[in-house]
Amino acid sequence: MTPVGTPGDAVRADRSGGARTAGGGPGATRANGAGQAGARPAGVRHRWTDHGLMFVAPFLLVYALFLIWPLVSGLAMSLRSDNITGAGGEFVGLDNYAEALGDPEVWSSLWNTVWFTVLSTVPLVLVGLVFALLAHHVRVVRWLWRLSWFAPFLLPSGVIGLLFLWVIYPSDFGFADQVLASFGLRPGIGWLTDERYAMLSIVLATVWWTVGFNFLLYLAALQAIPPYVYEAAELDGAGPAHRLWHITLPLLRRTTGVVVVLQVLASLKIFDQVYILTGGGPDDSTRPVLQYVFQAGFTGYRIGYASAVSYLFFALIVLVSLVQLRLSRRSGEETA
């Protein structure tokens, strides 16, 4: 029941600009009803929040069990001298980290990882862009071009490793040597056994295998560019090269930043193809950090030391990600 208004109510309503109507008239009823209607969504949102937490709880449980707990457990393990059996370990503090920073094998494997990242990132970005431009403008059997360039990315790393190990890179009868012989060059190069060519061979296999992902990102970005932009440029007399350089590439700048970040992070985590193709050889010239962590933990049985090396490498990846994020944001601000 609405209370009867008083002169004081009328004065206060007049001072507030008519927000409340004096007495128990329709204005007060509407205001009261509006207040009640405004209070309901808050209760509804609160109830949905409770139910939403129940829906998210299974994911949070799995996330904590398979990501948070391994991170915390691995960090604790890196502070101990645990072996692969989990017995006999004792707390050693930061000794594992100090040993890792002074270990020349850690630095050599880190250099191999960085060198592979440098060699693979540039062709993977450029080849992905070129393939996307070709697939976007080709008019004949467009679906076949897209499928052929993206299909290798769907194959598992084991298949790619065995394909290059037994078909592409074998000496004298491999496909790579046959290509050299067809151009009159000397075959018989030790693609995977010579230090001069081993890393390049791994880079070539990786580019053929993973360029399809970058190709797909660039193709999606090209399809998102409005056609009228090119039509207006063509009416102004811009040729194909001018449209590519002054329209397409600037509009793909954000996509290129994303591709570079993802590619650098993926290259830093290289393990599968190296382990299958060369095993880190010859003479550990292609051994990446993750393979050294694998060897220290599962061959040398030093789980605590291997955890320390992996966390140092994790800190490096986080640092690289932050630097790239900062550079991409600055580039985006300059573009805007």
Protein backbone atom coordinates (compact mmCIF):
# COMPACT_ATOMS: atom_id res chain seq x y z
CA MET A 1 0.00 0.00 0.00
CA THR A 2 1.39 3.39 -1.00
CA PRO A 3 1.69 5.87 1.90
CA VAL A 4 -0.21 9.12 1.73
CA GLY A 5 1.96 12.04 0.70
CA THR A 6 2.75 15.01 2.91
CA PRO A 7 3.62 18.62 2.12
CA GLY A 8 7.23 17.74 2.88
CA ASP A 9 7.11 15.13 0.16
CA ALA A 10 5.84 17.70 -2.29
CA VAL A 11 8.64 20.12 -1.36
CA ARG A 12 11.29 17.42 -1.71
CA ALA A 13 9.78 16.32 -5.02
CA ASP A 14 9.81 19.89 -6.30
CA ARG A 15 13.47 20.35 -5.25
CA SER A 16 14.48 17.13 -7.02
CA GLY A 17 13.01 18.36 -10.29
CA GLY A 18 9.89 16.30 -10.25
CA ALA A 19 11.68 12.98 -9.75
CA ARG A 20 8.98 12.01 -7.25
CA THR A 21 5.31 13.02 -7.40
CA ALA A 22 3.66 14.31 -4.24
CA GLY A 23 1.05 12.08 -2.68
CA GLY A 24 0.15 8.59 -3.70
CA GLY A 25 -0.72 9.40 -7.32
CA PRO A 26 0.16 7.48 -10.44
CA GLY A 27 3.62 9.06 -10.61
CA ALA A 28 4.58 7.57 -7.27
CA THR A 29 3.18 4.23 -8.29
CA ARG A 30 5.15 4.23 -11.52
CA ALA A 31 8.32 5.28 -9.72
CA ASN A 32 7.85 2.56 -7.14
CA GLY A 33 7.14 -0.01 -9.86
CA ALA A 34 10.19 1.10 -11.81
CA GLY A 35 12.30 0.70 -8.69
CA GLN A 36 11.02 -2.81 -8.14
CA ALA A 37 11.54 -3.67 -11.81
CA GLY A 38 15.08 -2.34 -11.61
CA ALA A 39 15.79 -4.45 -8.57
CA ARG A 40 14.81 -7.72 -10.23
CA PRO A 41 17.65 -7.98 -12.80
CA ALA A 42 20.20 -7.67 -10.00
CA GLY A 43 18.69 -10.70 -8.28
CA VAL A 44 18.47 -12.52 -11.59
CA ARG A 45 22.09 -11.74 -12.39
CA HIS A 46 23.13 -12.93 -8.95
CA ARG A 47 21.31 -16.22 -9.41
CA TRP A 48 22.78 -16.67 -12.89
CA THR A 49 26.23 -16.00 -11.45
CA ASP A 50 25.72 -18.82 -8.99
CA HIS A 51 24.53 -21.17 -11.70
CA GLY A 52 27.34 -20.01 -14.02
CA LEU A 53 29.91 -20.90 -11.39
CA MET A 54 28.45 -24.37 -11.23
CA PHE A 55 28.76 -24.72 -15.00
CA VAL A 56 32.37 -23.45 -15.02
CA ALA A 57 33.41 -25.55 -12.01
CA PRO A 58 34.26 -28.71 -14.05
CA PHE A 59 36.54 -26.71 -16.34
CA LEU A 60 38.19 -24.98 -13.37
CA LEU A 61 38.76 -28.35 -11.74
CA VAL A 62 40.38 -29.82 -14.87
CA TYR A 63 42.39 -26.60 -15.39
CA ALA A 64 43.73 -26.70 -11.85
CA LEU A 65 44.43 -30.43 -11.98
CA PHE A 66 46.29 -30.51 -15.30
CA LEU A 67 47.86 -27.03 -15.45
CA ILE A 68 48.06 -25.25 -12.11
CA TRP A 69 49.08 -28.28 -10.07
CA PRO A 70 51.82 -29.42 -12.53
CA LEU A 71 53.23 -25.90 -12.56
CA VAL A 72 53.38 -25.71 -8.79
CA SER A 73 54.64 -29.28 -8.47
CA GLY A 74 57.35 -28.74 -11.09
CA LEU A 75 58.48 -25.52 -9.40
CA ALA A 76 58.78 -27.33 -6.08
CA MET A 77 60.63 -30.18 -7.80
CA SER A 78 63.16 -27.76 -9.29
CA LEU A 79 64.19 -26.79 -5.76
CA ARG A 80 65.01 -30.39 -4.85
CA SER A 81 67.51 -33.00 -6.01
CA ASP A 82 64.83 -35.50 -7.01
CA ASN A 83 65.62 -38.39 -9.33
CA ILE A 84 63.28 -40.15 -11.71
CA THR A 85 62.09 -42.56 -9.02
CA GLY A 86 61.02 -39.71 -6.73
CA ALA A 87 63.04 -41.12 -3.83
CA GLY A 88 66.11 -39.76 -2.07
CA GLY A 89 65.59 -36.13 -3.02
CA GLU A 90 66.41 -33.29 -0.66
CA PHE A 91 65.89 -29.55 -0.68
CA VAL A 92 68.76 -27.77 -2.48
CA GLY A 93 67.22 -24.33 -2.97
CA LEU A 94 68.51 -22.51 -6.05
CA ASP A 95 71.49 -24.82 -6.63
CA ASN A 96 69.83 -26.41 -9.66
CA TYR A 97 69.26 -23.00 -11.23
CA ALA A 98 72.84 -21.93 -10.54
CA GLU A 99 74.15 -25.13 -12.11
CA ALA A 100 71.90 -24.67 -15.15
CA LEU A 101 73.11 -21.11 -15.72
CA GLY A 102 76.71 -22.33 -15.64
CA ASP A 103 76.14 -25.42 -17.79
CA PRO A 104 77.63 -24.98 -21.30
CA GLU A 105 75.29 -27.64 -22.70
CA VAL A 106 72.31 -25.55 -21.66
CA TRP A 107 73.68 -22.54 -23.50
CA SER A 108 74.57 -24.54 -26.63
CA SER A 109 71.10 -26.08 -26.79
CA LEU A 110 69.57 -22.65 -26.20
CA TRP A 111 71.61 -21.25 -29.09
CA ASN A 112 70.40 -24.10 -31.33
CA THR A 113 66.83 -23.26 -30.38
CA VAL A 114 67.26 -19.55 -31.08
CA TRP A 115 69.05 -20.25 -34.38
CA PHE A 116 66.26 -22.54 -35.52
CA THR A 117 63.70 -19.87 -34.56
CA VAL A 118 65.52 -17.25 -36.63
CA LEU A 119 65.90 -19.53 -39.64
CA SER A 120 62.31 -20.80 -39.62
CA THR A 121 60.25 -17.74 -38.67
CA VAL A 122 61.08 -15.58 -41.69
CA PRO A 123 60.29 -18.17 -44.41
CA LEU A 124 57.21 -19.41 -42.57
CA VAL A 125 55.77 -15.88 -42.47
CA LEU A 126 56.75 -14.95 -46.05
CA VAL A 127 55.74 -18.25 -47.65
CA GLY A 128 52.44 -18.25 -45.78
CA LEU A 129 51.72 -14.73 -47.05
CA VAL A 130 52.63 -15.58 -50.65
CA PHE A 131 50.52 -18.73 -50.62
CA ALA A 132 47.57 -16.81 -49.20
CA LEU A 133 47.85 -14.13 -51.89
CA LEU A 134 47.96 -16.78 -54.62
CA ALA A 135 45.04 -18.75 -53.21
CA HIS A 136 43.00 -15.56 -52.75
CA HIS A 137 43.40 -14.38 -56.34
CA VAL A 138 43.47 -17.67 -58.23
CA ARG A 139 40.24 -18.44 -60.08
CA VAL A 140 40.82 -22.03 -61.24
CA VAL A 141 40.15 -24.91 -58.77
CA ARG A 142 40.64 -22.60 -55.84
CA TRP A 143 39.64 -25.27 -53.35
CA LEU A 144 42.45 -27.56 -54.56
CA TRP A 145 45.13 -24.94 -53.98
CA ARG A 146 43.85 -24.23 -50.49
CA LEU A 147 43.63 -27.91 -49.61
CA SER A 148 47.09 -28.75 -50.96
CA TRP A 149 48.79 -25.97 -49.00
CA PHE A 150 46.95 -26.60 -45.75
CA ALA A 151 46.86 -30.42 -45.80
CA PRO A 152 50.46 -31.03 -44.52
CA PHE A 153 49.63 -29.15 -41.33
CA LEU A 154 47.05 -31.80 -40.49
CA LEU A 155 49.64 -34.59 -40.44
CA PRO A 156 51.18 -35.60 -37.08
CA SER A 157 54.83 -34.90 -36.40
CA GLY A 158 55.72 -38.61 -36.48
CA VAL A 159 54.47 -38.96 -40.05
CA ILE A 160 56.37 -35.85 -41.15
CA GLY A 161 59.58 -37.04 -39.48
CA LEU A 162 59.47 -40.49 -41.05
CA LEU A 163 58.53 -39.05 -44.46
CA PHE A 164 61.59 -36.82 -44.57
CA LEU A 165 63.81 -39.41 -42.91
CA TRP A 166 63.05 -42.28 -45.31
CA VAL A 167 61.83 -40.55 -48.49
CA ILE A 168 63.22 -37.01 -48.80
CA TYR A 169 66.65 -37.02 -47.15
CA PRO A 170 68.24 -40.47 -47.72
CA SER A 171 71.60 -40.18 -49.50
CA ASP A 172 71.84 -41.05 -53.20
CA PHE A 173 68.25 -42.23 -53.66
CA GLY A 174 66.26 -39.66 -51.66
CA PHE A 175 64.00 -37.13 -53.33
CA ALA A 176 66.25 -34.21 -52.34
CA ASP A 177 69.31 -35.80 -53.96
CA GLN A 178 67.32 -36.62 -57.08
CA VAL A 179 66.33 -32.96 -57.39
CA LEU A 180 69.99 -31.93 -57.10
CA ALA A 181 71.02 -34.47 -59.73
CA SER A 182 68.35 -33.21 -62.13
CA PHE A 183 69.95 -29.74 -61.99
CA GLY A 184 73.41 -31.19 -62.57
CA LEU A 185 74.53 -30.69 -58.95
CA ARG A 186 76.42 -33.21 -56.88
CA PRO A 187 74.09 -35.50 -54.91
CA GLY A 188 75.04 -37.43 -51.82
CA ILE A 189 74.83 -34.51 -49.39
CA GLY A 190 74.55 -35.57 -45.78
CA TRP A 191 71.30 -33.75 -45.18
CA LEU A 192 70.94 -35.00 -41.62
CA THR A 193 74.51 -36.11 -40.86
CA ASP A 194 76.49 -33.02 -41.83
CA GLU A 195 76.59 -30.14 -39.36
CA ARG A 196 76.46 -27.64 -42.24
CA TYR A 197 73.12 -28.91 -43.53
CA ALA A 198 71.39 -30.62 -40.61
CA MET A 199 69.71 -27.53 -39.17
CA LEU A 200 68.70 -26.28 -42.62
CA SER A 201 67.18 -29.67 -43.40
CA ILE A 202 65.08 -29.50 -40.23
CA VAL A 203 63.99 -25.97 -41.14
CA LEU A 204 62.90 -27.07 -44.63
CA ALA A 205 60.88 -29.95 -43.19
CA THR A 206 59.28 -27.64 -40.63
CA VAL A 207 58.37 -25.01 -43.25
CA TRP A 208 56.72 -27.60 -45.49
CA TRP A 209 54.84 -29.04 -42.54
CA THR A 210 53.58 -25.97 -40.65
CA VAL A 211 53.26 -23.20 -43.25
CA GLY A 212 49.61 -24.14 -43.75
CA PHE A 213 48.62 -22.60 -40.42
CA ASN A 214 50.07 -19.20 -41.29
CA PHE A 215 48.58 -19.52 -44.76
CA LEU A 216 45.13 -20.00 -43.24
CA LEU A 217 45.46 -16.95 -40.99
CA TYR A 218 46.56 -14.74 -43.86
CA LEU A 219 43.83 -16.07 -46.15
CA ALA A 220 41.15 -15.27 -43.56
CA ALA A 221 42.56 -11.75 -43.18
CA LEU A 222 42.58 -11.22 -46.95
CA GLN A 223 38.95 -12.29 -47.23
CA ALA A 224 38.02 -9.75 -44.55
CA ILE A 225 39.33 -6.79 -46.58
CA PRO A 226 36.35 -4.99 -48.21
CA PRO A 227 36.39 -5.26 -52.03
CA TYR A 228 35.42 -1.61 -52.46
CA VAL A 229 38.84 -0.57 -51.16
CA TYR A 230 40.51 -2.19 -54.15
CA GLU A 231 37.81 -0.91 -56.50
CA ALA A 232 38.38 2.68 -55.36
CA ALA A 233 42.14 2.29 -55.74
CA GLU A 234 41.73 0.83 -59.22
CA LEU A 235 39.52 3.73 -60.25
CA ASP A 236 42.27 6.07 -59.08
CA GLY A 237 44.72 4.32 -61.39
CA ALA A 238 46.55 2.13 -58.87
CA GLY A 239 48.17 -0.94 -60.41
CA PRO A 240 48.44 -4.42 -58.83
CA ALA A 241 51.85 -3.75 -57.27
CA HIS A 242 50.68 -0.41 -55.86
CA ARG A 243 47.53 -1.99 -54.40
CA LEU A 244 49.59 -4.78 -52.82
CA TRP A 245 52.16 -2.45 -51.27
CA HIS A 246 49.92 0.39 -50.15
CA ILE A 247 46.64 -1.39 -49.36
CA THR A 248 47.01 -5.11 -48.78
CA LEU A 249 50.21 -5.20 -46.73
CA PRO A 250 49.24 -2.29 -44.41
CA LEU A 251 45.84 -3.88 -43.77
CA LEU A 252 47.57 -7.18 -42.95
CA ARG A 253 49.89 -5.60 -40.41
CA ARG A 254 47.95 -6.79 -37.37
CA THR A 255 47.67 -10.31 -38.79
CA THR A 256 51.40 -10.32 -39.45
CA GLY A 257 52.03 -9.39 -35.83
CA VAL A 258 49.87 -12.27 -34.63
CA VAL A 259 51.55 -14.69 -37.05
CA VAL A 260 55.04 -13.64 -35.96
CA VAL A 261 54.21 -14.00 -32.25
CA LEU A 262 52.64 -17.42 -32.70
CA GLN A 263 55.45 -18.59 -34.97
CA VAL A 264 58.24 -17.50 -32.63
CA LEU A 265 56.59 -19.24 -29.68
CA ALA A 266 56.05 -22.41 -31.71
CA SER A 267 59.63 -22.43 -32.99
CA LEU A 268 61.07 -21.97 -29.51
CA LYS A 269 59.23 -25.13 -28.43
CA ILE A 270 60.71 -27.33 -31.16
CA PHE A 271 61.29 -30.95 -30.19
CA ASP A 272 59.46 -33.56 -32.27
CA GLN A 273 61.04 -33.18 -35.70
CA VAL A 274 64.56 -32.80 -34.28
CA TYR A 275 64.18 -35.88 -32.10
CA ILE A 276 62.96 -37.97 -35.04
CA LEU A 277 65.23 -36.65 -37.80
CA THR A 278 68.61 -36.16 -36.10
CA GLY A 279 68.20 -37.03 -32.43
CA GLY A 280 69.97 -33.75 -31.69
CA GLY A 281 73.02 -34.61 -33.79
CA PRO A 282 75.38 -34.55 -35.39
CA ASP A 283 77.50 -33.67 -32.37
CA ASP A 284 74.55 -32.01 -30.61
CA SER A 285 74.53 -29.33 -33.31
CA THR A 286 70.73 -29.46 -33.62
CA ARG A 287 69.76 -30.35 -30.05
CA PRO A 288 67.15 -27.87 -28.71
CA VAL A 289 66.55 -26.96 -25.08
CA LEU A 290 63.53 -29.23 -24.71
CA GLN A 291 65.53 -32.22 -25.86
CA TYR A 292 68.24 -31.39 -23.33
CA VAL A 293 65.55 -31.23 -20.64
CA PHE A 294 64.32 -34.64 -21.81
CA GLN A 295 67.82 -36.09 -21.68
CA ALA A 296 68.63 -34.62 -18.28
CA GLY A 297 65.39 -35.86 -16.77
CA PHE A 298 64.76 -39.23 -18.41
CA THR A 299 68.28 -40.28 -19.45
CA GLY A 300 70.32 -38.67 -16.71
CA TYR A 301 67.54 -39.33 -14.13
CA ARG A 302 67.91 -35.80 -12.69
CA ILE A 303 64.30 -34.65 -12.54
CA GLY A 304 65.00 -31.72 -10.24
CA TYR A 305 67.74 -30.32 -12.48
CA ALA A 306 65.65 -30.86 -15.61
CA SER A 307 62.78 -28.96 -13.97
CA ALA A 308 65.08 -26.04 -13.22
CA VAL A 309 66.26 -25.87 -16.85
CA SER A 310 62.67 -26.02 -18.10
CA TYR A 311 61.60 -23.18 -15.80
CA LEU A 312 64.49 -21.02 -16.96
CA PHE A 313 63.37 -21.66 -20.52
CA PHE A 314 59.79 -20.89 -19.51
CA ALA A 315 60.94 -17.53 -18.14
CA LEU A 316 62.67 -16.81 -21.46
CA ILE A 317 59.48 -17.59 -23.42
CA VAL A 318 57.45 -15.30 -21.14
CA LEU A 319 60.01 -12.51 -21.64
CA VAL A 320 59.92 -12.90 -25.43
CA SER A 321 56.10 -12.89 -25.37
CA LEU A 322 55.99 -9.67 -23.33
CA VAL A 323 58.48 -7.94 -25.63
CA GLN A 324 56.53 -8.95 -28.74
CA LEU A 325 53.26 -7.88 -27.13
CA ARG A 326 54.74 -4.50 -26.32
CA LEU A 327 56.07 -4.07 -29.86
CA SER A 328 52.75 -5.07 -31.41
CA ARG A 329 50.83 -2.63 -29.22
CA ARG A 330 53.22 0.19 -30.13
CA SER A 331 52.86 -0.67 -33.82
CA GLY A 332 49.07 -0.67 -33.47
CA GLU A 333 49.11 2.73 -31.78
CA GLU A 334 51.28 4.18 -34.53
CA THR A 335 48.97 2.74 -37.19
CA ALA A 336 45.90 4.19 -35.46
